Amino acid sequence: MMRSFITVFLVLFFWNCNPPKPFTAQEIVDKSYSFYGGSLWDNIHLQFQFRKHRYTLFRKANQTVYTRSTIATPTVVDSLFGSGSFRRSEGDQAVALSDSLQSVYSESVNSVLYFFQIPRVLNDAAVVKQRLADIELKGKKYHTLKITFRQQAGGTDFEDEFRYWIDAESFAVDYLAYNYITDGGGIRFRSVSERFEKFGMRFQNYTNYKPLLKDTPLDSLPRLFTRKQLIAVSQINNLQIKKHPL
């Protein structure tokens, strides 16, 4: 009996001396990706409504197409392809656009689909992941990820910087923040307002906030949020999500 007690004591002693190795940034992303449906996002054809437009996400093998179409008629369709090319059409007719307008419209389409696919997009080739210190927010522990982008394949907004606060138990993305330089620049903080399941996948909507000052550090936003010192600017609601066959 005494020998068994000593064995258990030694096991516990050495376990405490060698605590489990903390997750890397990539491991946190992988666990979060699994929480939201994992590989179900890899081959998919989804449709949803966001504000006055209908969006689609089509991905099969190495082919990816994002579209945005007006709900009102005549229907104008913007298509953004995985190659980076962009096309606008009205009815069956292609619409000629200047390079600058193509860039504006393609970035707008990409932005909506980017947030719709979190956290899958954190494994894009241009993403640079870094784990920062964990924080406590509203009584829960969160892993903090800093996300930046390589210029190559990072798009026109490769200088943007993100923070993701991921639940340390469930690996749900409950909060995120980012700064951006387009349209005069700014900072946003998003808090999940709703999370729901469909097709074996998880989707979520957000309340969008901004700080009083444009130069507010991203890492200070959770503290300002808990103190109610952020300004709510919009609701991000993806509605009527439907799944189509590939």
Protein backbone atom coordinates (compact mmCIF):
# COMPACT_ATOMS: atom_id res chain seq x y z
CA MET A 1 0.00 0.00 0.00
CA MET A 2 2.81 2.38 0.96
CA ARG A 3 4.65 1.62 -2.28
CA SER A 4 1.53 2.45 -4.34
CA PHE A 5 1.08 5.72 -2.45
CA ILE A 6 4.68 6.71 -3.14
CA THR A 7 4.30 5.86 -6.84
CA VAL A 8 1.19 8.03 -7.17
CA PHE A 9 2.88 10.84 -5.26
CA LEU A 10 5.92 10.74 -7.54
CA VAL A 11 3.75 10.72 -10.69
CA LEU A 12 1.81 13.77 -9.45
CA PHE A 13 5.00 15.51 -8.38
CA PHE A 14 6.70 15.15 -11.74
CA TRP A 15 3.45 16.04 -13.55
CA ASN A 16 3.28 19.30 -11.62
CA CYS A 17 6.93 19.97 -12.32
CA ASN A 18 6.31 19.41 -16.02
CA PRO A 19 2.93 20.99 -16.80
CA PRO A 20 1.40 20.39 -20.23
CA LYS A 21 3.04 22.37 -22.99
CA PRO A 22 0.89 25.40 -23.92
CA PHE A 23 -0.83 25.40 -27.27
CA THR A 24 0.88 27.11 -30.15
CA ALA A 25 -0.93 29.73 -32.21
CA GLN A 26 -1.45 27.17 -34.97
CA GLU A 27 -2.86 24.59 -32.57
CA ILE A 28 -5.34 27.15 -31.24
CA VAL A 29 -6.46 27.98 -34.78
CA ASP A 30 -6.82 24.30 -35.64
CA LYS A 31 -8.95 23.61 -32.57
CA SER A 32 -11.12 26.65 -33.30
CA TYR A 33 -11.48 25.57 -36.92
CA SER A 34 -12.69 22.18 -35.72
CA PHE A 35 -15.22 23.83 -33.37
CA TYR A 36 -16.81 25.65 -36.33
CA GLY A 37 -17.12 22.59 -38.53
CA GLY A 38 -13.60 21.88 -39.72
CA SER A 39 -13.35 20.28 -43.14
CA LEU A 40 -17.03 20.99 -43.87
CA TRP A 41 -15.79 24.46 -44.89
CA ASP A 42 -13.37 23.03 -47.46
CA ASN A 43 -15.92 21.93 -50.07
CA ILE A 44 -19.02 24.06 -49.75
CA HIS A 45 -21.62 26.11 -51.57
CA LEU A 46 -23.43 28.51 -49.22
CA GLN A 47 -25.74 31.46 -49.73
CA PHE A 48 -26.73 34.16 -47.23
CA GLN A 49 -28.13 37.66 -47.06
CA PHE A 50 -26.23 40.57 -45.56
CA ARG A 51 -28.00 43.91 -45.60
CA LYS A 52 -29.15 44.69 -49.15
CA HIS A 53 -27.17 41.96 -50.91
CA ARG A 54 -27.13 38.21 -51.34
CA TYR A 55 -23.74 36.52 -51.08
CA THR A 56 -22.49 33.09 -52.08
CA LEU A 57 -19.43 31.13 -51.11
CA PHE A 58 -18.40 28.38 -53.50
CA ARG A 59 -15.35 26.24 -52.81
CA LYS A 60 -14.48 22.93 -54.42
CA ALA A 61 -10.99 21.46 -54.66
CA ASN A 62 -8.78 24.40 -55.69
CA GLN A 63 -11.61 26.55 -57.04
CA THR A 64 -13.07 29.38 -54.96
CA VAL A 65 -15.69 31.92 -56.06
CA TYR A 66 -17.33 34.66 -54.00
CA THR A 67 -20.38 36.46 -55.38
CA ARG A 68 -22.51 39.38 -54.30
CA SER A 69 -25.81 40.16 -55.99
CA THR A 70 -28.39 42.86 -55.49
CA ILE A 71 -31.73 41.71 -54.13
CA ALA A 72 -33.59 44.42 -56.04
CA THR A 73 -33.90 44.16 -59.82
CA PRO A 74 -32.20 44.52 -62.19
CA THR A 75 -29.78 42.09 -60.60
CA VAL A 76 -26.14 43.15 -60.56
CA VAL A 77 -23.69 40.34 -59.74
CA ASP A 78 -20.12 40.87 -58.57
CA SER A 79 -17.91 37.78 -58.80
CA LEU A 80 -14.51 37.46 -57.13
CA PHE A 81 -12.43 34.45 -58.11
CA GLY A 82 -9.70 32.70 -56.20
CA SER A 83 -7.19 33.87 -58.79
CA GLY A 84 -7.93 37.45 -57.73
CA SER A 85 -9.83 38.37 -60.88
CA PHE A 86 -13.10 40.27 -60.59
CA ARG A 87 -16.15 40.51 -62.84
CA ARG A 88 -19.38 42.51 -62.68
CA SER A 89 -22.41 41.55 -64.74
CA GLU A 90 -25.97 42.79 -65.14
CA GLY A 91 -28.30 40.18 -66.48
CA ASP A 92 -26.24 38.28 -69.06
CA GLN A 93 -24.08 41.28 -69.90
CA ALA A 94 -20.61 42.00 -68.54
CA VAL A 95 -20.16 45.51 -67.15
CA ALA A 96 -16.91 47.32 -67.93
CA LEU A 97 -15.25 48.89 -64.88
CA SER A 98 -12.10 50.88 -64.30
CA ASP A 99 -9.29 49.20 -62.39
CA SER A 100 -9.95 51.42 -59.38
CA LEU A 101 -13.63 50.47 -59.21
CA GLN A 102 -12.81 46.79 -59.62
CA SER A 103 -10.48 47.09 -56.64
CA VAL A 104 -13.13 48.83 -54.51
CA TYR A 105 -15.85 46.30 -55.31
CA SER A 106 -13.64 43.25 -54.97
CA GLU A 107 -12.40 44.39 -51.55
CA SER A 108 -15.99 44.96 -50.44
CA VAL A 109 -17.03 41.45 -51.49
CA ASN A 110 -13.93 39.90 -49.96
CA SER A 111 -14.43 41.69 -46.64
CA VAL A 112 -17.92 40.28 -46.05
CA LEU A 113 -16.90 36.73 -47.02
CA TYR A 114 -13.72 36.99 -44.93
CA PHE A 115 -15.60 37.62 -41.69
CA PHE A 116 -18.26 35.08 -42.61
CA GLN A 117 -15.59 32.34 -42.73
CA ILE A 118 -13.75 33.03 -39.48
CA PRO A 119 -11.75 31.11 -38.29
CA ARG A 120 -11.03 29.17 -41.51
CA VAL A 121 -9.41 32.25 -43.06
CA LEU A 122 -6.74 32.18 -40.35
CA ASN A 123 -5.08 29.38 -42.29
CA ASP A 124 -4.74 31.42 -45.49
CA ALA A 125 -1.23 31.40 -46.95
CA ALA A 126 -0.57 35.09 -46.23
CA VAL A 127 -1.48 34.87 -42.53
CA VAL A 128 1.21 35.27 -39.85
CA LYS A 129 0.01 33.95 -36.46
CA GLN A 130 1.45 34.90 -33.09
CA ARG A 131 0.21 33.89 -29.67
CA LEU A 132 0.06 36.67 -27.08
CA ALA A 133 -0.72 36.46 -23.36
CA ASP A 134 -4.03 34.97 -22.28
CA ILE A 135 -6.59 37.35 -20.81
CA GLU A 136 -9.70 37.10 -18.66
CA LEU A 137 -12.83 38.70 -20.05
CA LYS A 138 -16.19 38.60 -18.29
CA GLY A 139 -14.99 35.80 -16.04
CA LYS A 140 -13.69 33.55 -18.83
CA LYS A 141 -10.15 32.78 -19.94
CA TYR A 142 -9.23 33.62 -23.53
CA HIS A 143 -6.26 32.82 -25.73
CA THR A 144 -5.08 35.90 -27.62
CA LEU A 145 -3.85 35.68 -31.21
CA LYS A 146 -2.15 38.45 -33.13
CA ILE A 147 -2.70 38.16 -36.88
CA THR A 148 -0.70 40.04 -39.50
CA PHE A 149 -0.21 39.40 -43.21
CA ARG A 150 2.63 38.90 -45.63
CA GLN A 151 2.62 41.34 -48.50
CA GLN A 152 2.77 38.52 -51.02
CA ALA A 153 -0.77 37.11 -51.37
CA GLY A 154 -1.93 39.43 -48.59
CA GLY A 155 -4.06 41.64 -50.82
CA THR A 156 -4.22 45.41 -50.88
CA ASP A 157 -4.97 45.50 -47.14
CA PHE A 158 -1.99 43.37 -46.08
CA GLU A 159 -1.00 46.07 -43.53
CA ASP A 160 -4.15 45.44 -41.47
CA GLU A 161 -3.65 43.85 -38.06
CA PHE A 162 -6.08 41.65 -36.13
CA ARG A 163 -6.60 40.30 -32.64
CA TYR A 164 -8.67 37.22 -31.89
CA TRP A 165 -9.80 36.28 -28.40
CA ILE A 166 -10.59 32.56 -28.39
CA ASP A 167 -12.33 30.78 -25.52
CA ALA A 168 -9.72 28.63 -23.77
CA GLU A 169 -12.22 25.81 -23.23
CA SER A 170 -14.47 25.69 -26.30
CA PHE A 171 -12.10 27.47 -28.74
CA ALA A 172 -14.96 29.66 -29.94
CA VAL A 173 -14.02 33.08 -31.32
CA ASP A 174 -16.05 35.32 -29.01
CA TYR A 175 -14.27 38.60 -29.74
CA LEU A 176 -12.04 40.05 -32.40
CA ALA A 177 -10.57 43.43 -33.28
CA TYR A 178 -8.69 44.94 -36.19
CA ASN A 179 -7.23 48.13 -37.53
CA TYR A 180 -7.47 49.10 -41.17
CA ILE A 181 -5.97 51.77 -43.38
CA THR A 182 -8.53 51.93 -46.22
CA ASP A 183 -11.24 54.61 -46.27
CA GLY A 184 -9.28 56.82 -43.93
CA GLY A 185 -8.39 54.06 -41.50
CA GLY A 186 -9.89 53.07 -38.18
CA ILE A 187 -10.30 50.43 -35.49
CA ARG A 188 -13.14 48.01 -34.86
CA PHE A 189 -13.97 45.59 -32.06
CA ARG A 190 -16.54 42.84 -32.59
CA SER A 191 -18.41 40.90 -29.95
CA VAL A 192 -20.45 37.84 -30.91
CA SER A 193 -24.14 38.64 -30.55
CA GLU A 194 -25.44 35.26 -31.76
CA ARG A 195 -24.00 31.85 -32.55
CA PHE A 196 -26.00 29.09 -34.20
CA GLU A 197 -25.58 25.73 -35.90
CA LYS A 198 -26.67 24.63 -39.38
CA PHE A 199 -25.47 21.81 -41.62
CA GLY A 200 -23.09 20.62 -38.89
CA MET A 201 -21.33 23.99 -38.96
CA ARG A 202 -21.34 26.99 -36.63
CA PHE A 203 -22.06 30.54 -37.76
CA GLN A 204 -22.15 33.78 -35.81
CA ASN A 205 -23.28 37.39 -35.90
CA TYR A 206 -21.61 40.36 -34.26
CA THR A 207 -22.09 43.75 -32.70
CA ASN A 208 -19.51 46.09 -34.20
CA TYR A 209 -17.86 48.73 -31.97
CA LYS A 210 -15.30 51.50 -32.35
CA PRO A 211 -13.18 53.32 -29.75
CA LEU A 212 -13.27 57.06 -29.19
CA LEU A 213 -9.73 57.49 -30.53
CA LYS A 214 -8.34 56.10 -33.79
CA ASP A 215 -4.94 55.36 -32.26
CA THR A 216 -6.35 53.17 -29.47
CA PRO A 217 -4.18 50.04 -29.12
CA LEU A 218 -5.95 46.83 -30.14
CA ASP A 219 -4.95 45.06 -26.93
CA SER A 220 -6.73 47.67 -24.80
CA LEU A 221 -10.11 47.09 -26.49
CA PRO A 222 -11.33 44.20 -24.28
CA ARG A 223 -10.79 46.36 -21.20
CA LEU A 224 -12.62 49.30 -22.79
CA PHE A 225 -15.43 46.92 -23.81
CA THR A 226 -15.98 45.69 -20.25
CA ARG A 227 -16.03 49.32 -19.06
CA LYS A 228 -18.61 50.17 -21.74
CA GLN A 229 -16.24 52.72 -23.27
CA LEU A 230 -16.71 51.59 -26.88
CA ILE A 231 -19.31 52.94 -29.29
CA ALA A 232 -21.65 50.47 -31.01
CA VAL A 233 -21.72 51.34 -34.72
CA SER A 234 -23.50 48.46 -36.47
CA GLN A 235 -24.88 44.95 -36.34
CA ILE A 236 -23.30 42.25 -38.51
CA ASN A 237 -26.12 39.79 -39.19
CA ASN A 238 -25.84 37.08 -41.81
CA LEU A 239 -29.39 35.97 -42.57
CA GLN A 240 -31.16 33.17 -44.42
CA ILE A 241 -28.11 30.91 -44.71
CA LYS A 242 -28.73 28.15 -47.24
CA LYS A 243 -26.63 25.27 -48.48
CA HIS A 244 -26.59 24.28 -52.16
CA PRO A 245 -25.20 21.11 -53.73
CA LEU A 246 -21.74 21.40 -55.25
